[in-house]
Amino acid sequence: MAENLLRPTLDLPVPGARLRPWCAADATVLAEQANDRGVWQNLRDVFPHPYSVGDAEWYINFVSDVHSRDVHLAFEVDGEAAGSISIMFKSDVHYRSAEIGYWLGRRYWGRGIGTAAVQVLSDYVFRHFDICRLYATVFAHNAASARVLEKAGYELEGCLRKSMTKDGETFDGLLYALVV
């Protein structure tokens, strides 16, 4: 996979919004956007809380690794990093599948940016990679994220009962997929 395919800049059909590679200068604003318990509650435990500038610097370095085979992009809204979206390619018998994950800073919620990003990045991945399935698992109580996926064309495949534990509580997960 060519590096330029893994680090594209993609315009979104939302004024002032696009997806682009992360850069070192994003660390401070990334820490500000990510240091929100409401964001953290719907993400994996690898996402720290509180979220510091040091955490942001580590993340930007990690996703900028030229040896990564995954796609990690920043949401940019009006010239400022506003969240993150990633495609994690699978291997072995799952090599034609990839997982999509995303989060957006609270002040950008409800503006259609997440849905637009999921649609645009999904289309991009299907056009440029040998992938036939994209999927995401969301906490069952995260109705907003489920709506993003549904509006982007993903279909609910099932409920993974008691499959996700966060902050000492175990929840159902909803498995969504887009298949071509």
Foldseek 3Di string as FASTA:
>chain_A
DDLCLQFDWADFPAPQKIKGQDDLVQLVVALVQLQDVVQVQWDDPVRDHNRDSVNSNVVSVVQVPSPAPKHKIFIGGNRHGFWIKIWAADDDVRRQEIEIDITGGPVCPPRCNLLRVVLRVVVSCVVPHNHFKYKYKTFPVPVSVVVSCVSSPWDWPDKAAQPDDDPRDTTIITMTMDGD
